[in-house]
Amino acid sequence: MTKKRPDIPQEIVDKSMVLCKRKCFWCEKEEATEMHHIDENSQNNNENNLCACCSNCHKKFHTIVPFARNITENELKMRRDNFYYQQSHPTISILKETDTFQKIIIKVEPIKNGKR
């Protein structure tokens, strides 16, 4: 007889979804629709062991490639914590976009009198 997988408490799911603003912490593009157990123990529903992610990234976390540098628990936690921090401090995101925008402007600056 197999153990029934315990449901993740809704309070923890809600907190994770708010912290990530419903965005996948890994790809930062897709909507977070799933909860990943970082230690891959579905019985461990401690909020420090969970992260909200999209289904594509969730599959990556469960894929082990022989002879490759696979994603570690520590890497998952660090990326999750960093992403949550960025989501709670929007100026960081704005600065990132501003830096990119300035680089683009510099690269497309018009040539004047045949000189840059």
C-alpha atoms as a PDB file:
ATOM      1  CA  MET A   1       0.000   0.000   0.000  1.00  0.00           C
ATOM      2  CA  THR A   2       1.444   3.372  -1.015  1.00  0.00           C
ATOM      3  CA  LYS A   3       1.429   6.431   1.197  1.00  0.00           C
ATOM      4  CA  LYS A   4      -1.103   9.065   0.220  1.00  0.00           C
ATOM      5  CA  ARG A   5       0.644  12.226  -0.811  1.00  0.00           C
ATOM      6  CA  PRO A   6      -0.376  14.978   1.639  1.00  0.00           C
ATOM      7  CA  ASP A   7      -1.836  18.132   0.153  1.00  0.00           C
ATOM      8  CA  ILE A   8       0.326  21.219   0.404  1.00  0.00           C
ATOM      9  CA  PRO A   9      -1.464  23.557   2.843  1.00  0.00           C
ATOM     10  CA  GLN A  10      -3.295  26.248   0.875  1.00  0.00           C
ATOM     11  CA  GLU A  11      -1.780  28.945   3.094  1.00  0.00           C
ATOM     12  CA  ILE A  12       1.716  27.940   1.936  1.00  0.00           C
ATOM     13  CA  VAL A  13       0.671  27.759  -1.736  1.00  0.00           C
ATOM     14  CA  ASP A  14      -0.930  31.212  -1.466  1.00  0.00           C
ATOM     15  CA  LYS A  15       2.171  32.697   0.181  1.00  0.00           C
ATOM     16  CA  SER A  16       4.447  31.253  -2.512  1.00  0.00           C
ATOM     17  CA  MET A  17       2.206  32.534  -5.307  1.00  0.00           C
ATOM     18  CA  VAL A  18       2.155  36.019  -3.784  1.00  0.00           C
ATOM     19  CA  LEU A  19       5.939  36.064  -3.287  1.00  0.00           C
ATOM     20  CA  CYS A  20       6.591  35.131  -6.919  1.00  0.00           C
ATOM     21  CA  LYS A  21       3.669  37.171  -8.283  1.00  0.00           C
ATOM     22  CA  ARG A  22       2.525  33.974 -10.024  1.00  0.00           C
ATOM     23  CA  LYS A  23       5.663  33.893 -12.188  1.00  0.00           C
ATOM     24  CA  CYS A  24       7.940  30.887 -12.457  1.00  0.00           C
ATOM     25  CA  PHE A  25      11.039  31.593 -10.363  1.00  0.00           C
ATOM     26  CA  TRP A  26      13.285  29.657 -12.779  1.00  0.00           C
ATOM     27  CA  CYS A  27      12.449  30.941 -16.279  1.00  0.00           C
ATOM     28  CA  GLU A  28      10.800  34.153 -15.025  1.00  0.00           C
ATOM     29  CA  LYS A  29       8.498  34.059 -18.072  1.00  0.00           C
ATOM     30  CA  GLU A  30       5.779  31.478 -17.645  1.00  0.00           C
ATOM     31  CA  GLU A  31       2.941  31.545 -15.147  1.00  0.00           C
ATOM     32  CA  ALA A  32       3.646  29.546 -11.999  1.00  0.00           C
ATOM     33  CA  THR A  33       1.035  26.786 -11.897  1.00  0.00           C
ATOM     34  CA  GLU A  34       2.822  24.061  -9.924  1.00  0.00           C
ATOM     35  CA  MET A  35       4.657  23.626  -6.636  1.00  0.00           C
ATOM     36  CA  HIS A  36       8.007  21.812  -6.659  1.00  0.00           C
ATOM     37  CA  HIS A  37       9.399  19.988  -3.616  1.00  0.00           C
ATOM     38  CA  ILE A  38      13.051  21.006  -3.643  1.00  0.00           C
ATOM     39  CA  ASP A  39      14.207  17.879  -1.822  1.00  0.00           C
ATOM     40  CA  GLU A  40      11.822  15.822  -4.018  1.00  0.00           C
ATOM     41  CA  ASN A  41      10.122  14.445  -0.891  1.00  0.00           C
ATOM     42  CA  SER A  42       6.405  14.975  -1.487  1.00  0.00           C
ATOM     43  CA  GLN A  43       5.788  14.428   2.241  1.00  0.00           C
ATOM     44  CA  ASN A  44       7.869  17.509   3.145  1.00  0.00           C
ATOM     45  CA  ASN A  45       5.517  20.472   2.749  1.00  0.00           C
ATOM     46  CA  ASN A  46       7.687  22.899   4.691  1.00  0.00           C
ATOM     47  CA  GLU A  47       7.548  26.246   2.870  1.00  0.00           C
ATOM     48  CA  ASN A  48      11.366  26.366   2.672  1.00  0.00           C
ATOM     49  CA  ASN A  49      11.188  23.140   0.653  1.00  0.00           C
ATOM     50  CA  LEU A  50       8.716  24.476  -1.913  1.00  0.00           C
ATOM     51  CA  CYS A  51       8.865  26.788  -4.894  1.00  0.00           C
ATOM     52  CA  ALA A  52       6.255  27.890  -7.419  1.00  0.00           C
ATOM     53  CA  CYS A  53       7.126  27.131 -11.035  1.00  0.00           C
ATOM     54  CA  CYS A  54       5.705  26.508 -14.495  1.00  0.00           C
ATOM     55  CA  SER A  55       5.126  22.957 -15.724  1.00  0.00           C
ATOM     56  CA  ASN A  56       8.044  23.096 -18.211  1.00  0.00           C
ATOM     57  CA  CYS A  57      10.578  24.047 -15.554  1.00  0.00           C
ATOM     58  CA  HIS A  58       9.056  21.579 -13.092  1.00  0.00           C
ATOM     59  CA  LYS A  59       9.820  18.785 -15.556  1.00  0.00           C
ATOM     60  CA  LYS A  60      13.443  19.992 -15.805  1.00  0.00           C
ATOM     61  CA  PHE A  61      13.860  19.721 -12.035  1.00  0.00           C
ATOM     62  CA  HIS A  62      12.907  16.037 -12.187  1.00  0.00           C
ATOM     63  CA  THR A  63      15.172  15.227 -15.138  1.00  0.00           C
ATOM     64  CA  ILE A  64      18.601  13.802 -14.420  1.00  0.00           C
ATOM     65  CA  VAL A  65      21.073  13.851 -17.280  1.00  0.00           C
ATOM     66  CA  PRO A  66      24.009  11.449 -16.881  1.00  0.00           C
ATOM     67  CA  PHE A  67      27.436  13.143 -16.833  1.00  0.00           C
ATOM     68  CA  ALA A  68      25.853  16.618 -16.717  1.00  0.00           C
ATOM     69  CA  ARG A  69      25.737  19.246 -14.021  1.00  0.00           C
ATOM     70  CA  ASN A  70      22.202  18.684 -12.812  1.00  0.00           C
ATOM     71  CA  ILE A  71      20.215  21.259 -10.850  1.00  0.00           C
ATOM     72  CA  THR A  72      20.976  20.975  -7.131  1.00  0.00           C
ATOM     73  CA  GLU A  73      18.746  21.657  -4.120  1.00  0.00           C
ATOM     74  CA  ASN A  74      21.007  24.515  -3.089  1.00  0.00           C
ATOM     75  CA  GLU A  75      20.832  26.104  -6.551  1.00  0.00           C
ATOM     76  CA  LEU A  76      17.025  25.868  -6.519  1.00  0.00           C
ATOM     77  CA  LYS A  77      16.802  27.534  -3.103  1.00  0.00           C
ATOM     78  CA  MET A  78      19.229  30.304  -4.017  1.00  0.00           C
ATOM     79  CA  ARG A  79      17.431  31.087  -7.297  1.00  0.00           C
ATOM     80  CA  ARG A  80      14.040  30.987  -5.581  1.00  0.00           C
ATOM     81  CA  ASP A  81      15.152  33.303  -2.766  1.00  0.00           C
ATOM     82  CA  ASN A  82      16.821  35.699  -5.199  1.00  0.00           C
ATOM     83  CA  PHE A  83      13.701  35.770  -7.399  1.00  0.00           C
ATOM     84  CA  TYR A  84      11.397  36.387  -4.418  1.00  0.00           C
ATOM     85  CA  TYR A  85      13.688  39.229  -3.328  1.00  0.00           C
ATOM     86  CA  GLN A  86      13.590  40.810  -6.797  1.00  0.00           C
ATOM     87  CA  GLN A  87       9.802  40.553  -6.869  1.00  0.00           C
ATOM     88  CA  SER A  88       9.535  42.357  -3.524  1.00  0.00           C
ATOM     89  CA  HIS A  89      12.008  45.082  -4.586  1.00  0.00           C
ATOM     90  CA  PRO A  90      10.746  46.304  -7.989  1.00  0.00           C
ATOM     91  CA  THR A  91      13.460  48.946  -8.355  1.00  0.00           C
ATOM     92  CA  ILE A  92      15.926  46.144  -9.085  1.00  0.00           C
ATOM     93  CA  SER A  93      13.861  45.068 -12.100  1.00  0.00           C
ATOM     94  CA  ILE A  94      13.529  48.663 -13.293  1.00  0.00           C
ATOM     95  CA  LEU A  95      17.295  49.181 -13.046  1.00  0.00           C
ATOM     96  CA  LYS A  96      17.898  46.023 -15.048  1.00  0.00           C
ATOM     97  CA  GLU A  97      15.569  47.221 -17.808  1.00  0.00           C
ATOM     98  CA  THR A  98      17.090  50.710 -17.747  1.00  0.00           C
ATOM     99  CA  ASP A  99      20.617  49.299 -18.102  1.00  0.00           C
ATOM    100  CA  THR A 100      19.529  47.229 -21.100  1.00  0.00           C
ATOM    101  CA  PHE A 101      17.740  50.185 -22.658  1.00  0.00           C
ATOM    102  CA  GLN A 102      20.811  52.429 -22.256  1.00  0.00           C
ATOM    103  CA  LYS A 103      23.008  49.820 -23.912  1.00  0.00           C
ATOM    104  CA  ILE A 104      20.611  49.640 -26.845  1.00  0.00           C
ATOM    105  CA  ILE A 105      20.599  53.428 -27.210  1.00  0.00           C
ATOM    106  CA  ILE A 106      24.390  53.529 -27.207  1.00  0.00           C
ATOM    107  CA  LYS A 107      24.551  50.828 -29.885  1.00  0.00           C
ATOM    108  CA  VAL A 108      22.079  52.539 -32.237  1.00  0.00           C
ATOM    109  CA  GLU A 109      23.393  56.059 -31.814  1.00  0.00           C
ATOM    110  CA  PRO A 110      23.403  57.737 -35.239  1.00  0.00           C
ATOM    111  CA  ILE A 111      26.638  58.500 -37.063  1.00  0.00           C
ATOM    112  CA  LYS A 112      27.214  62.262 -37.402  1.00  0.00           C
ATOM    113  CA  ASN A 113      29.439  63.618 -40.170  1.00  0.00           C
ATOM    114  CA  GLY A 114      30.823  60.151 -40.824  1.00  0.00           C
ATOM    115  CA  LYS A 115      32.035  59.854 -37.200  1.00  0.00           C
ATOM    116  CA  ARG A 116      30.624  58.070 -34.194  1.00  0.00           C
END
